Amino acid sequence: MATAVSSDSFDLEVLQSDIPVLVDFWAEWCGPCHAVAPVLDRIIEEHPGELKLVKVNIDEEHELQQRYGVQSIPTMILFKNGEPAAAVVGAQPKGAIERSLGLSA
Protein backbone atom coordinates (compact mmCIF):
# COMPACT_ATOMS: atom_id res chain seq x y z
CA MET A 1 0.00 0.00 0.00
CA ALA A 2 1.27 3.46 -0.86
CA THR A 3 2.10 6.09 1.73
CA ALA A 4 1.40 9.76 0.99
CA VAL A 5 4.46 11.89 1.72
CA SER A 6 5.00 15.63 2.03
CA SER A 7 8.05 17.84 2.15
CA ASP A 8 8.10 17.24 5.90
CA SER A 9 8.15 13.42 5.68
CA PHE A 10 10.01 12.92 2.36
CA ASP A 11 13.52 12.74 3.82
CA LEU A 12 12.55 10.16 6.44
CA GLU A 13 10.31 8.03 4.19
CA VAL A 14 12.41 8.15 1.03
CA LEU A 15 15.96 9.44 1.44
CA GLN A 16 16.63 7.59 4.72
CA SER A 17 14.86 4.36 3.75
CA ASP A 18 16.75 1.08 4.15
CA ILE A 19 15.08 -0.31 1.03
CA PRO A 20 14.51 1.19 -2.44
CA VAL A 21 11.52 3.53 -2.66
CA LEU A 22 9.35 4.10 -5.71
CA VAL A 23 8.01 7.67 -5.60
CA ASP A 24 4.86 8.29 -7.63
CA PHE A 25 4.40 11.98 -8.49
CA TRP A 26 0.69 12.41 -9.29
CA ALA A 27 -2.37 14.66 -9.03
CA GLU A 28 -6.04 13.97 -8.32
CA TRP A 29 -7.14 15.39 -11.70
CA CYS A 30 -4.67 13.24 -13.68
CA GLY A 31 -6.42 10.33 -15.45
CA PRO A 32 -3.22 8.50 -16.43
CA CYS A 33 -2.06 8.76 -12.79
CA HIS A 34 -5.17 6.88 -11.67
CA ALA A 35 -4.66 4.33 -14.46
CA VAL A 36 -1.08 3.54 -13.43
CA ALA A 37 -1.75 3.39 -9.66
CA PRO A 38 -2.95 -0.26 -9.61
CA VAL A 39 0.04 -1.24 -11.76
CA LEU A 40 2.40 0.31 -9.21
CA ASP A 41 0.55 -1.44 -6.38
CA ARG A 42 1.01 -4.77 -8.19
CA ILE A 43 4.75 -4.14 -8.67
CA ILE A 44 5.12 -3.44 -4.94
CA GLU A 45 3.13 -6.57 -4.04
CA GLU A 46 5.54 -8.63 -6.16
CA HIS A 47 8.56 -7.28 -4.24
CA PRO A 48 7.54 -7.74 -0.58
CA GLY A 49 10.02 -6.21 1.81
CA GLU A 50 12.30 -5.21 -1.09
CA LEU A 51 10.56 -2.07 -2.31
CA LYS A 52 8.13 0.50 -0.96
CA LEU A 53 5.78 2.91 -2.70
CA VAL A 54 5.09 6.50 -1.71
CA LYS A 55 2.95 9.10 -3.44
CA VAL A 56 3.61 12.82 -3.83
CA ASN A 57 0.63 14.97 -4.82
CA ILE A 58 2.19 17.69 -6.97
CA ASP A 59 -0.70 20.08 -6.33
CA GLU A 60 0.21 20.06 -2.64
CA GLU A 61 3.98 19.55 -2.83
CA HIS A 62 5.39 22.05 -5.34
CA GLU A 63 8.79 22.07 -3.63
CA LEU A 64 9.28 18.32 -4.16
CA GLN A 65 8.03 18.58 -7.73
CA GLN A 66 10.61 21.28 -8.46
CA ARG A 67 13.42 19.59 -6.52
CA TYR A 68 13.15 16.47 -8.69
CA GLY A 69 12.37 18.23 -11.98
CA VAL A 70 8.93 16.69 -12.44
CA GLN A 71 7.40 18.38 -15.47
CA SER A 72 4.87 15.75 -16.53
CA ILE A 73 2.76 13.31 -14.56
CA PRO A 74 2.64 10.55 -13.76
CA THR A 75 6.36 10.44 -13.06
CA MET A 76 7.78 7.57 -11.04
CA ILE A 77 11.28 7.88 -9.62
CA LEU A 78 13.06 4.95 -7.99
CA PHE A 79 15.30 6.02 -5.11
CA LYS A 80 18.13 3.78 -3.92
CA ASN A 81 20.32 4.76 -1.00
CA GLY A 82 18.72 8.21 -0.91
CA GLU A 83 19.45 9.01 -4.55
CA PRO A 84 17.30 8.90 -7.70
CA ALA A 85 18.34 5.74 -9.56
CA ALA A 86 15.78 5.47 -12.39
CA ALA A 87 12.63 7.18 -13.62
CA VAL A 88 9.58 6.54 -15.78
CA VAL A 89 7.39 9.31 -17.20
CA GLY A 90 3.84 8.57 -18.31
CA ALA A 91 1.41 5.72 -17.79
CA GLN A 92 2.99 2.62 -19.29
CA PRO A 93 2.33 -1.13 -19.13
CA LYS A 94 3.68 -2.99 -16.10
CA GLY A 95 6.51 -4.66 -18.01
CA ALA A 96 7.72 -1.38 -19.48
CA ILE A 97 7.72 0.29 -16.05
CA GLU A 98 9.64 -2.62 -14.52
CA ARG A 99 12.23 -2.60 -17.32
CA SER A 100 12.73 1.17 -17.08
CA LEU A 101 13.21 0.94 -13.31
CA GLY A 102 15.48 -2.10 -13.54
CA LEU A 103 13.02 -4.30 -11.64
CA SER A 104 12.39 -7.00 -14.23
CA ALA A 105 13.97 -10.41 -13.76
PDB file of N, CA and C in Angstrom:
ATOM      1  N   MET A   1       0.846  -1.189   0.000  1.00  0.00           N
ATOM      2  CA  MET A   1       0.000   0.000   0.000  1.00  0.00           C
ATOM      3  C   MET A   1       0.888   1.248   0.000  1.00  0.00           C
ATOM      4  N   ALA A   2       0.490   2.233  -0.738  1.00  0.00           N
ATOM      5  CA  ALA A   2       1.275   3.457  -0.860  1.00  0.00           C
ATOM      6  C   ALA A   2       1.069   4.363   0.348  1.00  0.00           C
ATOM      7  N   THR A   3       2.120   5.102   0.663  1.00  0.00           N
ATOM      8  CA  THR A   3       2.096   6.091   1.729  1.00  0.00           C
ATOM      9  C   THR A   3       2.187   7.467   1.095  1.00  0.00           C
ATOM     10  N   ALA A   4       1.310   8.383   1.485  1.00  0.00           N
ATOM     11  CA  ALA A   4       1.400   9.760   0.994  1.00  0.00           C
ATOM     12  C   ALA A   4       2.505  10.461   1.771  1.00  0.00           C
ATOM     13  N   VAL A   5       3.390  11.157   1.054  1.00  0.00           N
ATOM     14  CA  VAL A   5       4.460  11.890   1.720  1.00  0.00           C
ATOM     15  C   VAL A   5       4.394  13.368   1.353  1.00  0.00           C
ATOM     16  N   SER A   6       4.938  14.181   2.232  1.00  0.00           N
ATOM     17  CA  SER A   6       4.998  15.628   2.035  1.00  0.00           C
ATOM     18  C   SER A   6       6.457  16.054   2.141  1.00  0.00           C
ATOM     19  N   SER A   7       6.691  17.320   1.967  1.00  0.00           N
ATOM     20  CA  SER A   7       8.055  17.840   2.147  1.00  0.00           C
ATOM     21  C   SER A   7       8.581  17.506   3.533  1.00  0.00           C
ATOM     22  N   ASP A   8       7.685  17.512   4.524  1.00  0.00           N
ATOM     23  CA  ASP A   8       8.097  17.236   5.898  1.00  0.00           C
ATOM     24  C   ASP A   8       8.519  15.784   6.115  1.00  0.00           C
ATOM     25  N   SER A   9       7.874  14.839   5.434  1.00  0.00           N
ATOM     26  CA  SER A   9       8.153  13.422   5.677  1.00  0.00           C
ATOM     27  C   SER A   9       9.016  12.776   4.590  1.00  0.00           C
ATOM     28  N   PHE A  10       9.303  13.491   3.502  1.00  0.00           N
ATOM     29  CA  PHE A  10      10.015  12.916   2.363  1.00  0.00           C
ATOM     30  C   PHE A  10      11.397  12.380   2.750  1.00  0.00           C
ATOM     31  N   ASP A  11      12.168  13.176   3.476  1.00  0.00           N
ATOM     32  CA  ASP A  11      13.525  12.736   3.822  1.00  0.00           C
ATOM     33  C   ASP A  11      13.506  11.438   4.616  1.00  0.00           C
ATOM     34  N   LEU A  12      12.628  11.356   5.604  1.00  0.00           N
ATOM     35  CA  LEU A  12      12.546  10.160   6.435  1.00  0.00           C
ATOM     36  C   LEU A  12      12.035   8.963   5.643  1.00  0.00           C
ATOM     37  N   GLU A  13      10.949   9.136   4.904  1.00  0.00           N
ATOM     38  CA  GLU A  13      10.307   8.026   4.195  1.00  0.00           C
ATOM     39  C   GLU A  13      11.080   7.564   2.958  1.00  0.00           C
ATOM     40  N   VAL A  14      11.769   8.489   2.301  1.00  0.00           N
ATOM     41  CA  VAL A  14      12.414   8.153   1.030  1.00  0.00           C
ATOM     42  C   VAL A  14      13.935   8.156   1.139  1.00  0.00           C
ATOM     43  N   LEU A  15      14.505   9.296   1.483  1.00  0.00           N
ATOM     44  CA  LEU A  15      15.960   9.435   1.442  1.00  0.00           C
ATOM     45  C   LEU A  15      16.665   8.608   2.504  1.00  0.00           C
ATOM     46  N   GLN A  16      16.013   8.364   3.641  1.00  0.00           N
ATOM     47  CA  GLN A  16      16.632   7.590   4.716  1.00  0.00           C
ATOM     48  C   GLN A  16      16.149   6.143   4.769  1.00  0.00           C
ATOM     49  N   SER A  17      15.397   5.710   3.766  1.00  0.00           N
ATOM     50  CA  SER A  17      14.857   4.355   3.752  1.00  0.00           C
ATOM     51  C   SER A  17      15.956   3.315   3.580  1.00  0.00           C
ATOM     52  N   ASP A  18      15.793   2.184   4.267  1.00  0.00           N
ATOM     53  CA  ASP A  18      16.747   1.076   4.153  1.00  0.00           C
ATOM     54  C   ASP A  18      16.539   0.273   2.881  1.00  0.00           C
ATOM     55  N   ILE A  19      15.369   0.414   2.266  1.00  0.00           N
ATOM     56  CA  ILE A  19      15.076  -0.306   1.032  1.00  0.00           C
ATOM     57  C   ILE A  19      14.749   0.699  -0.068  1.00  0.00           C
ATOM     58  N   PRO A  20      14.865   0.286  -1.337  1.00  0.00           N
ATOM     59  CA  PRO A  20      14.515   1.194  -2.436  1.00  0.00           C
ATOM     60  C   PRO A  20      13.068   1.674  -2.314  1.00  0.00           C
ATOM     61  N   VAL A  21      12.845   2.912  -2.754  1.00  0.00           N
ATOM     62  CA  VAL A  21      11.519   3.534  -2.665  1.00  0.00           C
ATOM     63  C   VAL A  21      11.109   4.024  -4.048  1.00  0.00           C
ATOM     64  N   LEU A  22       9.916   3.618  -4.460  1.00  0.00           N
ATOM     65  CA  LEU A  22       9.345   4.103  -5.707  1.00  0.00           C
ATOM     66  C   LEU A  22       8.434   5.275  -5.365  1.00  0.00           C
ATOM     67  N   VAL A  23       8.781   6.458  -5.879  1.00  0.00           N
ATOM     68  CA  VAL A  23       8.008   7.667  -5.601  1.00  0.00           C
ATOM     69  C   VAL A  23       7.136   7.966  -6.814  1.00  0.00           C
ATOM     70  N   ASP A  24       5.827   8.003  -6.581  1.00  0.00           N
ATOM     71  CA  ASP A  24       4.858   8.286  -7.632  1.00  0.00           C
ATOM     72  C   ASP A  24       4.410   9.737  -7.502  1.00  0.00           C
ATOM     73  N   PHE A  25       4.842  10.580  -8.444  1.00  0.00           N
ATOM     74  CA  PHE A  25       4.398  11.978  -8.487  1.00  0.00           C
ATOM     75  C   PHE A  25       3.102  11.995  -9.293  1.00  0.00           C
ATOM     76  N   TRP A  26       2.016  12.498  -8.693  1.00  0.00           N
ATOM     77  CA  TRP A  26       0.689  12.414  -9.291  1.00  0.00           C
ATOM     78  C   TRP A  26      -0.152  13.618  -8.894  1.00  0.00           C
ATOM     79  N   ALA A  27      -1.383  13.653  -9.431  1.00  0.00           N
ATOM     80  CA  ALA A  27      -2.372  14.657  -9.032  1.00  0.00           C
ATOM     81  C   ALA A  27      -3.758  14.027  -9.156  1.00  0.00           C
ATOM     82  N   GLU A  28      -4.674  14.520  -8.343  1.00  0.00           N
ATOM     83  CA  GLU A  28      -6.038  13.971  -8.320  1.00  0.00           C
ATOM     84  C   GLU A  28      -6.724  14.075  -9.682  1.00  0.00           C
ATOM     85  N   TRP A  29      -6.475  15.140 -10.423  1.00  0.00           N
ATOM     86  CA  TRP A  29      -7.140  15.390 -11.701  1.00  0.00           C
ATOM     87  C   TRP A  29      -6.523  14.619 -12.871  1.00  0.00           C
ATOM     88  N   CYS A  30      -5.435  13.903 -12.618  1.00  0.00           N
ATOM     89  CA  CYS A  30      -4.666  13.238 -13.682  1.00  0.00           C
ATOM     90  C   CYS A  30      -5.189  11.824 -13.950  1.00  0.00           C
ATOM     91  N   GLY A  31      -5.890  11.647 -15.074  1.00  0.00           N
ATOM     92  CA  GLY A  31      -6.421  10.335 -15.446  1.00  0.00           C
ATOM     93  C   GLY A  31      -5.356   9.255 -15.576  1.00  0.00           C
ATOM     94  N   PRO A  32      -4.261   9.519 -16.311  1.00  0.00           N
ATOM     95  CA  PRO A  32      -3.218   8.504 -16.426  1.00  0.00           C
ATOM     96  C   PRO A  32      -2.601   8.119 -15.065  1.00  0.00           C
ATOM     97  N   CYS A  33      -2.574   9.065 -14.129  1.00  0.00           N
ATOM     98  CA  CYS A  33      -2.060   8.765 -12.785  1.00  0.00           C
ATOM     99  C   CYS A  33      -2.933   7.704 -12.115  1.00  0.00           C
ATOM    100  N   HIS A  34      -4.243   7.858 -12.249  1.00  0.00           N
ATOM    101  CA  HIS A  34      -5.170   6.883 -11.668  1.00  0.00           C
ATOM    102  C   HIS A  34      -5.052   5.538 -12.385  1.00  0.00           C
ATOM    103  N   ALA A  35      -4.791   5.561 -13.683  1.00  0.00           N
ATOM    104  CA  ALA A  35      -4.665   4.328 -14.457  1.00  0.00           C
ATOM    105  C   ALA A  35      -3.421   3.537 -14.051  1.00  0.00           C
ATOM    106  N   VAL A  36      -2.333   4.229 -13.752  1.00  0.00           N
ATOM    107  CA  VAL A  36      -1.079   3.538 -13.435  1.00  0.00           C
ATOM    108  C   VAL A  36      -1.006   3.113 -11.964  1.00  0.00           C
ATOM    109  N   ALA A  37      -1.821   3.697 -11.101  1.00  0.00           N
ATOM    110  CA  ALA A  37      -1.754   3.392  -9.662  1.00  0.00           C
ATOM    111  C   ALA A  37      -1.883   1.899  -9.352  1.00  0.00           C
ATOM    112  N   PRO A  38      -2.871   1.169  -9.928  1.00  0.00           N
ATOM    113  CA  PRO A  38      -2.954  -0.263  -9.607  1.00  0.00           C
ATOM    114  C   PRO A  38      -1.764  -1.059 -10.131  1.00  0.00           C
ATOM    115  N   VAL A  39      -1.160  -0.584 -11.215  1.00  0.00           N
ATOM    116  CA  VAL A  39       0.036  -1.244 -11.755  1.00  0.00           C
ATOM    117  C   VAL A  39       1.182  -1.098 -10.757  1.00  0.00           C
ATOM    118  N   LEU A  40       1.347   0.085 -10.207  1.00  0.00           N
ATOM    119  CA  LEU A  40       2.401   0.308  -9.210  1.00  0.00           C
ATOM    120  C   LEU A  40       2.151  -0.530  -7.962  1.00  0.00           C
ATOM    121  N   ASP A  41       0.889  -0.602  -7.535  1.00  0.00           N
ATOM    122  CA  ASP A  41       0.549  -1.439  -6.377  1.00  0.00           C
ATOM    123  C   ASP A  41       0.942  -2.892  -6.633  1.00  0.00           C
ATOM    124  N   ARG A  42       0.679  -3.389  -7.841  1.00  0.00           N
ATOM    125  CA  ARG A  42       1.009  -4.770  -8.191  1.00  0.00           C
ATOM    126  C   ARG A  42       2.530  -4.981  -8.165  1.00  0.00           C
ATOM    127  N   ILE A  43       3.281  -4.027  -8.690  1.00  0.00           N
ATOM    128  CA  ILE A  43       4.747  -4.142  -8.672  1.00  0.00           C
ATOM    129  C   ILE A  43       5.246  -4.240  -7.232  1.00  0.00           C
ATOM    130  N   ILE A  44       4.709  -3.413  -6.351  1.00  0.00           N
ATOM    131  CA  ILE A  44       5.125  -3.436  -4.945  1.00  0.00           C
ATOM    132  C   ILE A  44       4.768  -4.771  -4.304  1.00  0.00           C
ATOM    133  N   GLU A  45       3.560  -5.280  -4.591  1.00  0.00           N
ATOM    134  CA  GLU A  45       3.128  -6.567  -4.039  1.00  0.00           C
ATOM    135  C   GLU A  45       4.058  -7.698  -4.463  1.00  0.00           C
ATOM    136  N   GLU A  46       4.652  -7.581  -5.644  1.00  0.00           N
ATOM    137  CA  GLU A  46       5.538  -8.629  -6.157  1.00  0.00           C
ATOM    138  C   GLU A  46       6.959  -8.519  -5.614  1.00  0.00           C
ATOM    139  N   HIS A  47       7.245  -7.480  -4.842  1.00  0.00           N
ATOM    140  CA  HIS A  47       8.564  -7.282  -4.241  1.00  0.00           C
ATOM    141  C   HIS A  47       8.416  -7.031  -2.739  1.00  0.00           C
ATOM    142  N   PRO A  48       7.787  -7.979  -2.012  1.00  0.00           N
ATOM    143  CA  PRO A  48       7.536  -7.744  -0.579  1.00  0.00           C
ATOM    144  C   PRO A  48       8.830  -7.555   0.202  1.00  0.00           C
ATOM    145  N   GLY A  49       8.856  -6.479   0.981  1.00  0.00           N
ATOM    146  CA  GLY A  49      10.020  -6.208   1.807  1.00  0.00           C
ATOM    147  C   GLY A  49      11.237  -5.701   1.060  1.00  0.00           C
ATOM    148  N   GLU A  50      11.154  -5.637  -0.278  1.00  0.00           N
ATOM    149  CA  GLU A  50      12.298  -5.211  -1.094  1.00  0.00           C
ATOM    150  C   GLU A  50      12.117  -3.812  -1.653  1.00  0.00           C
ATOM    151  N   LEU A  51      10.886  -3.312  -1.630  1.00  0.00           N
ATOM    152  CA  LEU A  51      10.565  -2.069  -2.309  1.00  0.00           C
ATOM    153  C   LEU A  51       9.341  -1.464  -1.645  1.00  0.00           C
ATOM    154  N   LYS A  52       9.342  -0.144  -1.482  1.00  0.00           N
ATOM    155  CA  LYS A  52       8.134   0.496  -0.957  1.00  0.00           C
ATOM    156  C   LYS A  52       7.699   1.605  -1.892  1.00  0.00           C
ATOM    157  N   LEU A  53       6.396   1.924  -1.821  1.00  0.00           N
ATOM    158  CA  LEU A  53       5.779   2.910  -2.698  1.00  0.00           C
ATOM    159  C   LEU A  53       5.281   4.082  -1.877  1.00  0.00           C
ATOM    160  N   VAL A  54       5.640   5.282  -2.316  1.00  0.00           N
ATOM    161  CA  VAL A  54       5.095   6.495  -1.713  1.00  0.00           C
ATOM    162  C   VAL A  54       4.548   7.372  -2.825  1.00  0.00           C
ATOM    163  N   LYS A  55       3.583   8.221  -2.464  1.00  0.00           N
ATOM    164  CA  LYS A  55       2.951   9.099  -3.444  1.00  0.00           C
ATOM    165  C   LYS A  55       3.147  10.556  -3.042  1.00  0.00           C
ATOM    166  N   VAL A  56       3.463  11.385  -4.038  1.00  0.00           N
ATOM    167  CA  VAL A  56       3.611  12.825  -3.834  1.00  0.00           C
ATOM    168  C   VAL A  56       2.587  13.520  -4.719  1.00  0.00           C
ATOM    169  N   ASN A  57       1.637  14.203  -4.089  1.00  0.00           N
ATOM    170  CA  ASN A  57       0.627  14.970  -4.820  1.00  0.00           C
ATOM    171  C   ASN A  57       1.261  16.303  -5.220  1.00  0.00           C
ATOM    172  N   ILE A  58       1.471  16.490  -6.517  1.00  0.00           N
ATOM    173  CA  ILE A  58       2.194  17.690  -6.969  1.00  0.00           C
ATOM    174  C   ILE A  58       1.408  18.973  -6.746  1.00  0.00           C
ATOM    175  N   ASP A  59       0.090  18.875  -6.612  1.00  0.00           N
ATOM    176  CA  ASP A  59      -0.698  20.076  -6.334  1.00  0.00           C
ATOM    177  C   ASP A  59      -0.458  20.585  -4.916  1.00  0.00           C
ATOM    178  N   GLU A  60      -0.037  19.692  -4.035  1.00  0.00           N
ATOM    179  CA  GLU A  60       0.206  20.059  -2.642  1.00  0.00           C
ATOM    180  C   GLU A  60       1.692  20.192  -2.313  1.00  0.00           C
ATOM    181  N   GLU A  61       2.542  19.611  -3.137  1.00  0.00           N
ATOM    182  CA  GLU A  61       3.978  19.551  -2.834  1.00  0.00           C
ATOM    183  C   GLU A  61       4.817  20.112  -3.983  1.00  0.00           C
ATOM    184  N   HIS A  62       4.658  21.404  -4.240  1.00  0.00           N
ATOM    185  CA  HIS A  62       5.389  22.047  -5.341  1.00  0.00           C
ATOM    186  C   HIS A  62       6.897  21.985  -5.136  1.00  0.00           C
ATOM    187  N   GLU A  63       7.349  22.081  -3.902  1.00  0.00           N
ATOM    188  CA  GLU A  63       8.789  22.070  -3.628  1.00  0.00           C
ATOM    189  C   GLU A  63       9.403  20.744  -4.062  1.00  0.00           C
ATOM    190  N   LEU A  64       8.748  19.630  -3.761  1.00  0.00           N
ATOM    191  CA  LEU A  64       9.277  18.320  -4.165  1.00  0.00           C
ATOM    192  C   LEU A  64       9.211  18.153  -5.677  1.00  0.00           C
ATOM    193  N   GLN A  65       8.153  18.647  -6.277  1.00  0.00           N
ATOM    194  CA  GLN A  65       8.027  18.578  -7.728  1.00  0.00           C
ATOM    195  C   GLN A  65       9.195  19.310  -8.393  1.00  0.00           C
ATOM    196  N   GLN A  66       9.503  20.495  -7.896  1.00  0.00           N
ATOM    197  CA  GLN A  66      10.605  21.277  -8.464  1.00  0.00           C
ATOM    198  C   GLN A  66      11.958  20.652  -8.156  1.00  0.00           C
ATOM    199  N   ARG A  67      12.129  20.165  -6.924  1.00  0.00           N
ATOM    200  CA  ARG A  67      13.422  19.592  -6.517  1.00  0.00           C
ATOM    201  C   ARG A  67      13.831  18.441  -7.430  1.00  0.00           C
ATOM    202  N   TYR A  68      12.844  17.639  -7.860  1.00  0.00           N
ATOM    203  CA  TYR A  68      13.151  16.474  -8.686  1.00  0.00           C
ATOM    204  C   TYR A  68      12.813  16.665 -10.159  1.00  0.00           C
ATOM    205  N   GLY A  69      12.537  17.900 -10.563  1.00  0.00           N
ATOM    206  CA  GLY A  69      12.367  18.233 -11.977  1.00  0.00           C
ATOM    207  C   GLY A  69      11.178  17.562 -12.633  1.00  0.00           C
ATOM    208  N   VAL A  70      10.117  17.335 -11.882  1.00  0.00           N
ATOM    209  CA  VAL A  70       8.934  16.686 -12.439  1.00  0.00           C
ATOM    210  C   VAL A  70       8.148  17.708 -13.256  1.00  0.00           C
ATOM    211  N   GLN A  71       8.090  17.460 -14.571  1.00  0.00           N
ATOM    212  CA  GLN A  71       7.400  18.382 -15.465  1.00  0.00           C
ATOM    213  C   GLN A  71       6.139  17.774 -16.060  1.00  0.00           C
ATOM    214  N   SER A  72       6.014  16.457 -15.971  1.00  0.00           N
ATOM    215  CA  SER A  72       4.869  15.754 -16.525  1.00  0.00           C
ATOM    216  C   SER A  72       4.487  14.648 -15.561  1.00  0.00           C
ATOM    217  N   ILE A  73       3.183  14.374 -15.453  1.00  0.00           N
ATOM    218  CA  ILE A  73       2.761  13.308 -14.559  1.00  0.00           C
ATOM    219  C   ILE A  73       1.905  12.307 -15.325  1.00  0.00           C
ATOM    220  N   PRO A  74       1.904  11.056 -14.905  1.00  0.00           N
ATOM    221  CA  PRO A  74       2.638  10.546 -13.760  1.00  0.00           C
ATOM    222  C   PRO A  74       4.136  10.422 -14.055  1.00  0.00           C
ATOM    223  N   THR A  75       4.934  10.704 -13.035  1.00  0.00           N
ATOM    224  CA  THR A  75       6.364  10.442 -13.063  1.00  0.00           C
ATOM    225  C   THR A  75       6.677   9.569 -11.864  1.00  0.00           C
ATOM    226  N   MET A  76       7.364   8.467 -12.109  1.00  0.00           N
ATOM    227  CA  MET A  76       7.775   7.566 -11.042  1.00  0.00           C
ATOM    228  C   MET A  76       9.302   7.572 -10.981  1.00  0.00           C
ATOM    229  N   ILE A  77       9.831   7.866  -9.801  1.00  0.00           N
ATOM    230  CA  ILE A  77      11.281   7.883  -9.616  1.00  0.00           C
ATOM    231  C   ILE A  77      11.636   6.833  -8.573  1.00  0.00           C
ATOM    232  N   LEU A  78      12.571   5.962  -8.918  1.00  0.00           N
ATOM    233  CA  LEU A  78      13.061   4.950  -7.988  1.00  0.00           C
ATOM    234  C   LEU A  78      14.276   5.506  -7.265  1.00  0.00           C
ATOM    235  N   PHE A  79      14.190   5.555  -5.942  1.00  0.00           N
ATOM    236  CA  PHE A  79      15.300   6.020  -5.106  1.00  0.00           C
ATOM    237  C   PHE A  79      15.990   4.825  -4.475  1.00  0.00           C
ATOM    238  N   LYS A  80      17.312   4.797  -4.586  1.00  0.00           N
ATOM    239  CA  LYS A  80      18.127   3.775  -3.923  1.00  0.00           C
ATOM    240  C   LYS A  80      19.200   4.499  -3.129  1.00  0.00           C
ATOM    241  N   ASN A  81      19.328   4.137  -1.874  1.00  0.00           N
ATOM    242  CA  ASN A  81      20.322   4.764  -0.996  1.00  0.00           C
ATOM    243  C   ASN A  81      20.197   6.283  -0.988  1.00  0.00           C
ATOM    244  N   GLY A  82      18.961   6.774  -1.008  1.00  0.00           N
ATOM    245  CA  GLY A  82      18.715   8.205  -0.908  1.00  0.00           C
ATOM    246  C   GLY A  82      18.921   9.000  -2.177  1.00  0.00           C
ATOM    247  N   GLU A  83      19.185   8.321  -3.292  1.00  0.00           N
ATOM    248  CA  GLU A  83      19.446   9.007  -4.553  1.00  0.00           C
ATOM    249  C   GLU A  83      18.521   8.497  -5.650  1.00  0.00           C
ATOM    250  N   PRO A  84      18.086   9.374  -6.556  1.00  0.00           N
ATOM    251  CA  PRO A  84      17.296   8.897  -7.702  1.00  0.00           C
ATOM    252  C   PRO A  84      18.144   7.940  -8.541  1.00  0.00           C
ATOM    253  N   ALA A  85      17.596   6.756  -8.821  1.00  0.00           N
ATOM    254  CA  ALA A  85      18.345   5.744  -9.559  1.00  0.00           C
ATOM    255  C   ALA A  85      17.760   5.491 -10.949  1.00  0.00           C
ATOM    256  N   ALA A  86      16.445   5.699 -11.105  1.00  0.00           N
ATOM    257  CA  ALA A  86      15.783   5.474 -12.391  1.00  0.00           C
ATOM    258  C   ALA A  86      14.450   6.205 -12.363  1.00  0.00           C
ATOM    259  N   ALA A  87      13.912   6.470 -13.551  1.00  0.00           N
ATOM    260  CA  ALA A  87      12.631   7.178 -13.616  1.00  0.00           C
ATOM    261  C   ALA A  87      11.829   6.717 -14.824  1.00  0.00           C
ATOM    262  N   VAL A  88      10.517   6.842 -14.692  1.00  0.00           N
ATOM    263  CA  VAL A  88       9.582   6.543 -15.776  1.00  0.00           C
ATOM    264  C   VAL A  88       8.602   7.712 -15.827  1.00  0.00           C
ATOM    265  N   VAL A  89       8.354   8.223 -17.031  1.00  0.00           N
ATOM    266  CA  VAL A  89       7.388   9.306 -17.202  1.00  0.00           C
ATOM    267  C   VAL A  89       6.244   8.783 -18.055  1.00  0.00           C
ATOM    268  N   GLY A  90       5.031   8.983 -17.568  1.00  0.00           N
ATOM    269  CA  GLY A  90       3.844   8.571 -18.306  1.00  0.00           C
ATOM    270  C   GLY A  90       3.329   7.213 -17.871  1.00  0.00           C
ATOM    271  N   ALA A  91       2.038   7.005 -18.103  1.00  0.00           N
ATOM    272  CA  ALA A  91       1.414   5.720 -17.795  1.00  0.00           C
ATOM    273  C   ALA A  91       1.867   4.718 -18.848  1.00  0.00           C
ATOM    274  N   GLN A  92       2.485   3.644 -18.398  1.00  0.00           N
ATOM    275  CA  GLN A  92       2.993   2.617 -19.288  1.00  0.00           C
ATOM    276  C   GLN A  92       2.572   1.252 -18.764  1.00  0.00           C
ATOM    277  N   PRO A  93       2.647   0.218 -19.609  1.00  0.00           N
ATOM    278  CA  PRO A  93       2.333  -1.127 -19.135  1.00  0.00           C
ATOM    279  C   PRO A  93       3.319  -1.568 -18.047  1.00  0.00           C
ATOM    280  N   LYS A  94       2.883  -2.514 -17.235  1.00  0.00           N
ATOM    281  CA  LYS A  94       3.677  -2.986 -16.098  1.00  0.00           C
ATOM    282  C   LYS A  94       5.087  -3.403 -16.517  1.00  0.00           C
ATOM    283  N   GLY A  95       5.197  -4.185 -17.573  1.00  0.00           N
ATOM    284  CA  GLY A  95       6.509  -4.664 -18.009  1.00  0.00           C
ATOM    285  C   GLY A  95       7.442  -3.531 -18.400  1.00  0.00           C
ATOM    286  N   ALA A  96       6.910  -2.521 -19.063  1.00  0.00           N
ATOM    287  CA  ALA A  96       7.725  -1.378 -19.483  1.00  0.00           C
ATOM    288  C   ALA A  96       8.205  -0.591 -18.267  1.00  0.00           C
ATOM    289  N   ILE A  97       7.327  -0.422 -17.277  1.00  0.00           N
ATOM    290  CA  ILE A  97       7.717   0.288 -16.047  1.00  0.00           C
ATOM    291  C   ILE A  97       8.822  -0.502 -15.337  1.00  0.00           C
ATOM    292  N   GLU A  98       8.642  -1.801 -15.211  1.00  0.00           N
ATOM    293  CA  GLU A  98       9.636  -2.624 -14.522  1.00  0.00           C
ATOM    294  C   GLU A  98      10.990  -2.579 -15.238  1.00  0.00           C
ATOM    295  N   ARG A  99      10.971  -2.668 -16.561  1.00  0.00           N
ATOM    296  CA  ARG A  99      12.229  -2.603 -17.320  1.00  0.00           C
ATOM    297  C   ARG A  99      12.917  -1.246 -17.116  1.00  0.00           C
ATOM    298  N   SER A 100      12.146  -0.163 -17.222  1.00  0.00           N
ATOM    299  CA  SER A 100      12.726   1.170 -17.084  1.00  0.00           C
ATOM    300  C   SER A 100      13.323   1.395 -15.707  1.00  0.00           C
ATOM    301  N   LEU A 101      12.715   0.779 -14.694  1.00  0.00           N
ATOM    302  CA  LEU A 101      13.208   0.940 -13.315  1.00  0.00           C
ATOM    303  C   LEU A 101      14.241  -0.108 -12.926  1.00  0.00           C
ATOM    304  N   GLY A 102      14.516  -1.046 -13.838  1.00  0.00           N
ATOM    305  CA  GLY A 102      15.479  -2.100 -13.539  1.00  0.00           C
ATOM    306  C   GLY A 102      14.949  -3.139 -12.574  1.00  0.00           C
ATOM    307  N   LEU A 103      13.635  -3.357 -12.577  1.00  0.00           N
ATOM    308  CA  LEU A 103      13.016  -4.298 -11.644  1.00  0.00           C
ATOM    309  C   LEU A 103      12.662  -5.632 -12.263  1.00  0.00           C
ATOM    310  N   SER A 104      12.774  -5.746 -13.585  1.00  0.00           N
ATOM    311  CA  SER A 104      12.388  -6.998 -14.226  1.00  0.00           C
ATOM    312  C   SER A 104      13.470  -8.052 -14.023  1.00  0.00           C
ATOM    313  N   ALA A 105      13.040  -9.294 -14.010  1.00  0.00           N
ATOM    314  CA  ALA A 105      13.970 -10.407 -13.756  1.00  0.00           C
ATOM    315  C   ALA A 105      14.867 -10.656 -14.936  1.00  0.00           C
TER     316      ALA A 105
END
